[in-house]
Amino acid sequence: MPAPRELLCRDRHLLLEDHTPHIVGILNVTDDSFFDGGHHNSLPAAVSHARLLVAEGASIIDIGGQSTRPGYVEVGPDEEIRRVVPVIRELVRHTAVPLSIDTYHAAVAEAALQAGAHIVNDVHGLQRDPAMAAVIARHGAAAILMHNDPSLRDSAEDPISCIKTFLTRTLALAAAAGIDPARIILDPGIGFGKTQPQNLATLSRLAELHALGHPLLLGASRKSVISHVLDLPPDERLEGTLAITCHAVAQGVQFHRVHDVQANHRAALMSAALRRHG
């Protein structure tokens, strides 16, 4: 099944042209995210950083009020809503790019979509909160749906096969709720429930996931998959992130969720040019 040529995000659309990467800029309004916690958790700081990300080449801004770093503590839907809704209300008035809400709670997604968000980024791929799919469908929002199955870590099975099986279940839930297939992006979930060898195997075989028939998003920015190779802290993992972004572009991945938009945008465009002419 061929991937769609356009991503529908409520009243905003993104073209999915061959070999043209989109950068998803990370905007964490949290105090405990592993790289930028506390940097943007006031409204003026969040809005200023979002505008910078757009100026640097972001096609989407992904706004999160709950850290999902290893060992994270849940803050609860009410606190998430308190953190993200004012930012979304402000940004929807001042930015032309689609806004994504990074949450696995249907109540947070509902509040964010009412505030003007266009995309829901669910790190549990609709398989945690049973109300999530219906919220997305009702608002006509786009959805980034991620593989997140901790049982894979202890499995000897092929990681790509396991990811496909999980995401096929996710797509069935989306279809049952009435989510338009043209609004779905799939994420293999690097760093979630996977060993280092499984993360590296997934990164090396991303192209196989195109068989699921949807655009792909990769979120590996400054993650521990890099530190396990380079033995570097988060603030020294830019080069490793750029290497992964270029490798993903070469495999046809369309969306790249990153902290450092300008550097990744430039690297992705260069990699895409080489792929076009390769």
Protein backbone atom coordinates (compact mmCIF):
# COMPACT_ATOMS: atom_id res chain seq x y z
CA MET A 1 0.00 0.00 0.00
CA PRO A 2 1.66 3.29 -1.08
CA ALA A 3 2.11 6.03 1.48
CA PRO A 4 -0.17 9.09 1.08
CA ARG A 5 1.15 12.18 -0.69
CA GLU A 6 -0.17 14.63 1.89
CA LEU A 7 -0.57 14.62 5.66
CA LEU A 8 -3.93 16.03 6.75
CA CYS A 9 -3.69 17.98 10.04
CA ARG A 10 -7.14 19.47 10.60
CA ASP A 11 -6.96 22.83 8.76
CA ARG A 12 -3.23 22.55 8.01
CA HIS A 13 -1.65 20.13 5.53
CA LEU A 14 1.91 19.00 4.84
CA LEU A 15 3.06 17.75 1.44
CA LEU A 16 4.88 14.42 1.49
CA GLU A 17 7.01 14.78 -1.61
CA ASP A 18 9.59 12.14 -2.49
CA HIS A 19 12.82 12.50 -0.51
CA THR A 20 11.68 15.71 1.23
CA PRO A 21 12.28 15.44 4.99
CA HIS A 22 10.21 17.28 7.60
CA ILE A 23 11.73 18.35 10.91
CA VAL A 24 9.58 18.13 14.04
CA GLY A 25 10.87 20.56 16.64
CA ILE A 26 10.69 19.45 20.27
CA LEU A 27 9.18 21.92 22.72
CA ASN A 28 9.18 20.49 26.25
CA VAL A 29 7.32 22.60 28.80
CA THR A 30 8.54 20.40 31.64
CA ASP A 31 11.10 20.68 34.39
CA ASP A 32 12.51 17.14 34.11
CA SER A 33 13.03 16.22 30.45
CA PHE A 34 16.40 14.54 29.95
CA PHE A 35 17.98 17.26 27.78
CA ASP A 36 16.06 20.54 28.03
CA GLY A 37 13.98 20.19 31.19
CA GLY A 38 13.23 23.58 32.74
CA HIS A 39 14.47 25.59 29.75
CA HIS A 40 11.08 26.44 28.24
CA ASN A 41 8.51 25.92 30.99
CA SER A 42 7.31 29.52 31.15
CA LEU A 43 4.90 30.83 28.53
CA PRO A 44 7.24 33.54 27.13
CA ALA A 45 10.18 31.10 26.95
CA ALA A 46 8.06 28.43 25.27
CA VAL A 47 6.65 30.81 22.65
CA SER A 48 10.08 32.31 21.95
CA HIS A 49 11.66 28.89 21.49
CA ALA A 50 8.84 27.68 19.24
CA ARG A 51 9.28 30.70 16.98
CA LEU A 52 13.01 29.97 16.83
CA LEU A 53 12.35 26.34 15.87
CA VAL A 54 10.06 27.44 13.04
CA ALA A 55 12.64 29.97 11.82
CA GLU A 56 15.24 27.21 11.81
CA GLY A 57 13.14 24.97 9.59
CA ALA A 58 10.65 23.02 11.73
CA SER A 59 7.57 21.79 9.86
CA ILE A 60 5.80 20.78 13.09
CA ILE A 61 6.17 21.84 16.74
CA ASP A 62 5.70 18.95 19.19
CA ILE A 63 4.65 20.26 22.61
CA GLY A 64 4.99 18.05 25.67
CA GLY A 65 4.02 18.61 29.30
CA GLN A 66 5.04 15.16 30.57
CA SER A 67 8.57 13.81 30.40
CA THR A 68 8.93 10.19 29.24
CA ARG A 69 12.64 9.92 29.96
CA PRO A 70 13.82 6.75 31.74
CA GLY A 71 12.57 6.80 35.33
CA TYR A 72 10.05 9.58 34.70
CA VAL A 73 7.32 10.39 37.22
CA GLU A 74 3.81 11.01 35.92
CA VAL A 75 2.46 14.48 36.65
CA GLY A 76 -1.15 13.61 35.76
CA PRO A 77 -3.50 14.96 33.07
CA ASP A 78 -4.53 18.09 34.98
CA GLU A 79 -0.94 19.27 35.34
CA GLU A 80 -0.18 18.41 31.71
CA ILE A 81 -3.15 20.49 30.61
CA ARG A 82 -2.05 23.39 32.80
CA ARG A 83 1.37 23.32 31.18
CA VAL A 84 0.51 22.89 27.51
CA VAL A 85 -2.83 24.57 26.80
CA PRO A 86 -1.68 28.20 27.27
CA VAL A 87 1.30 27.52 24.99
CA ILE A 88 -0.90 25.99 22.29
CA ARG A 89 -3.42 28.84 22.46
CA GLU A 90 -0.63 31.36 21.99
CA LEU A 91 1.24 29.48 19.25
CA VAL A 92 -1.81 28.70 17.14
CA ARG A 93 -2.27 32.46 16.74
CA HIS A 94 1.34 33.19 15.81
CA THR A 95 2.70 30.19 13.87
CA ALA A 96 1.59 28.69 10.58
CA VAL A 97 3.01 25.20 11.15
CA PRO A 98 0.93 22.38 12.65
CA LEU A 99 1.14 21.95 16.42
CA SER A 100 1.43 18.50 17.96
CA ILE A 101 0.54 17.54 21.53
CA ASP A 102 2.84 14.87 22.95
CA THR A 103 0.60 12.95 25.36
CA TYR A 104 -0.81 9.51 26.05
CA HIS A 105 -3.83 10.80 27.99
CA ALA A 106 -7.07 11.31 26.06
CA ALA A 107 -8.10 14.12 28.41
CA VAL A 108 -4.93 16.05 27.59
CA ALA A 109 -5.37 15.42 23.88
CA GLU A 110 -8.96 16.67 24.08
CA ALA A 111 -7.93 19.89 25.85
CA ALA A 112 -5.03 20.47 23.47
CA LEU A 113 -7.17 19.93 20.37
CA GLN A 114 -9.82 22.26 21.72
CA ALA A 115 -7.05 24.84 22.21
CA GLY A 116 -6.07 24.49 18.54
CA ALA A 117 -3.53 21.67 18.26
CA HIS A 118 -3.51 19.73 15.00
CA ILE A 119 -1.73 16.46 15.81
CA VAL A 120 -1.67 14.00 18.73
CA ASN A 121 1.66 12.25 19.37
CA ASP A 122 0.82 9.15 21.42
CA VAL A 123 3.89 7.24 22.63
CA HIS A 124 1.68 4.23 23.40
CA GLY A 125 0.19 3.98 19.92
CA LEU A 126 -3.47 4.13 21.09
CA GLN A 127 -2.89 1.04 23.26
CA ARG A 128 -2.86 2.65 26.72
CA ASP A 129 -5.83 5.02 26.97
CA PRO A 130 -8.86 3.40 25.29
CA ALA A 131 -10.47 6.81 24.73
CA MET A 132 -7.54 8.27 22.75
CA ALA A 133 -8.48 7.01 19.28
CA ALA A 134 -12.01 8.41 19.52
CA VAL A 135 -10.72 11.84 20.57
CA ILE A 136 -8.38 11.99 17.58
CA ALA A 137 -11.09 10.85 15.18
CA ARG A 138 -13.71 13.26 16.52
CA HIS A 139 -11.45 16.27 15.99
CA GLY A 140 -10.13 15.16 12.60
CA ALA A 141 -6.60 15.44 14.00
CA ALA A 142 -3.49 13.80 12.64
CA ALA A 143 -1.79 11.18 14.80
CA ILE A 144 1.80 10.12 15.44
CA LEU A 145 1.50 6.56 16.76
CA MET A 146 4.53 4.95 18.36
CA HIS A 147 5.66 1.39 19.07
CA ASN A 148 6.05 0.94 22.82
CA ASP A 149 6.06 -2.67 24.01
CA PRO A 150 8.44 -3.44 26.91
CA SER A 151 8.05 -7.19 26.30
CA LEU A 152 10.28 -6.78 23.24
CA ARG A 153 13.27 -6.14 25.49
CA ASP A 154 13.21 -9.75 26.76
CA SER A 155 12.30 -11.27 23.41
CA ALA A 156 14.57 -13.11 21.00
CA GLU A 157 12.19 -12.34 18.13
CA ASP A 158 13.10 -10.10 15.23
CA PRO A 159 12.52 -6.49 16.42
CA ILE A 160 11.17 -5.25 13.09
CA SER A 161 8.61 -8.06 13.00
CA CYS A 162 7.53 -7.21 16.56
CA ILE A 163 7.25 -3.52 15.74
CA LYS A 164 5.13 -4.33 12.68
CA THR A 165 2.84 -6.57 14.72
CA PHE A 166 2.33 -3.92 17.40
CA LEU A 167 1.73 -1.12 14.89
CA THR A 168 -0.70 -3.30 12.94
CA ARG A 169 -2.77 -3.56 16.12
CA THR A 170 -2.50 0.21 16.51
CA LEU A 171 -3.72 0.75 12.95
CA ALA A 172 -6.67 -1.56 13.61
CA LEU A 173 -7.64 0.56 16.63
CA ALA A 174 -7.33 3.71 14.52
CA ALA A 175 -9.51 2.25 11.78
CA ALA A 176 -12.14 1.09 14.26
CA ALA A 177 -12.36 4.62 15.68
CA GLY A 178 -12.65 6.18 12.23
CA ILE A 179 -9.25 7.91 12.05
CA ASP A 180 -8.51 8.79 8.42
CA PRO A 181 -5.46 6.77 7.26
CA ALA A 182 -4.18 9.92 5.54
CA ARG A 183 -3.74 11.46 9.00
CA ILE A 184 -1.43 8.78 10.46
CA ILE A 185 2.35 8.78 11.00
CA LEU A 186 4.09 5.75 12.53
CA ASP A 187 7.07 5.84 14.90
CA PRO A 188 9.24 2.76 15.68
CA GLY A 189 9.88 4.05 19.22
CA ILE A 190 13.65 4.22 19.52
CA GLY A 191 14.61 4.05 23.21
CA PHE A 192 11.25 2.70 24.37
CA GLY A 193 11.23 -0.90 25.62
CA LYS A 194 14.24 -1.93 23.54
CA THR A 195 17.78 -3.07 24.24
CA GLN A 196 20.71 -1.31 22.61
CA PRO A 197 21.09 -4.06 19.96
CA GLN A 198 17.35 -3.84 19.24
CA ASN A 199 17.55 -0.04 18.89
CA LEU A 200 20.49 -0.31 16.49
CA ALA A 201 18.83 -3.09 14.50
CA THR A 202 15.68 -0.97 14.18
CA LEU A 203 17.65 2.07 13.06
CA SER A 204 19.48 0.03 10.44
CA ARG A 205 16.23 -1.42 9.02
CA LEU A 206 13.82 1.51 9.10
CA ALA A 207 13.06 1.14 5.38
CA GLU A 208 11.26 -2.15 6.08
CA LEU A 209 8.58 -0.25 8.00
CA HIS A 210 7.40 1.50 4.83
CA ALA A 211 5.50 -1.72 4.15
CA LEU A 212 2.93 -0.53 6.72
CA GLY A 213 1.86 2.13 4.23
CA HIS A 214 2.21 5.28 6.33
CA PRO A 215 4.78 8.05 6.70
CA LEU A 216 7.44 7.33 9.30
CA LEU A 217 8.74 9.51 12.12
CA LEU A 218 12.01 8.91 13.94
CA GLY A 219 12.65 10.28 17.42
CA ALA A 220 16.23 9.52 18.43
CA SER A 221 17.48 13.02 19.19
CA ARG A 222 20.25 12.97 21.83
CA LYS A 223 18.94 9.65 23.23
CA SER A 224 20.93 7.01 25.09
CA VAL A 225 21.24 4.90 21.93
CA ILE A 226 23.93 7.45 21.06
CA SER A 227 25.63 7.44 24.45
CA HIS A 228 25.91 3.64 24.39
CA VAL A 229 28.07 4.02 21.28
CA LEU A 230 29.91 7.28 21.95
CA ASP A 231 29.87 7.39 25.79
CA LEU A 232 28.75 11.01 25.85
CA PRO A 233 26.23 13.00 27.96
CA PRO A 234 23.08 14.45 26.34
CA ASP A 235 24.62 17.86 25.66
CA GLU A 236 27.39 16.24 23.56
CA ARG A 237 25.21 14.00 21.38
CA LEU A 238 24.47 16.37 18.48
CA GLU A 239 26.87 14.69 16.05
CA GLY A 240 25.42 11.28 16.86
CA THR A 241 21.92 12.65 16.31
CA LEU A 242 22.91 14.07 12.93
CA ALA A 243 24.36 10.73 11.87
CA ILE A 244 21.08 9.00 12.73
CA THR A 245 19.02 11.67 10.94
CA CYS A 246 21.05 11.29 7.75
CA HIS A 247 20.84 7.50 7.93
CA ALA A 248 17.07 7.73 8.38
CA VAL A 249 16.65 10.15 5.46
CA ALA A 250 18.64 7.73 3.30
CA GLN A 251 16.02 5.08 4.19
CA GLY A 252 13.12 7.33 3.24
CA VAL A 253 11.97 8.40 6.71
CA GLN A 254 9.90 11.56 6.24
CA PHE A 255 9.70 13.05 9.77
CA HIS A 256 12.55 13.62 12.23
CA ARG A 257 11.73 14.70 15.80
CA VAL A 258 14.72 16.63 17.15
CA HIS A 259 15.88 19.21 19.67
CA ASP A 260 18.38 20.93 17.33
CA VAL A 261 16.27 21.95 14.37
CA GLN A 262 18.68 24.02 12.29
CA ALA A 263 21.52 21.49 12.30
CA ASN A 264 19.23 18.54 11.62
CA HIS A 265 17.33 20.43 8.93
CA ARG A 266 20.54 21.21 7.06
CA ALA A 267 21.86 17.67 7.44
CA ALA A 268 18.53 16.17 6.35
CA LEU A 269 18.33 18.36 3.24
CA MET A 270 21.86 17.38 2.24
CA SER A 271 21.13 13.70 2.80
CA ALA A 272 17.89 14.01 0.82
CA ALA A 273 19.74 15.61 -2.11
CA LEU A 274 22.21 12.74 -2.16
CA ARG A 275 19.36 10.23 -2.05
CA ARG A 276 17.56 11.91 -4.94
CA HIS A 277 20.65 11.66 -7.11
CA GLY A 278 21.95 8.34 -5.82
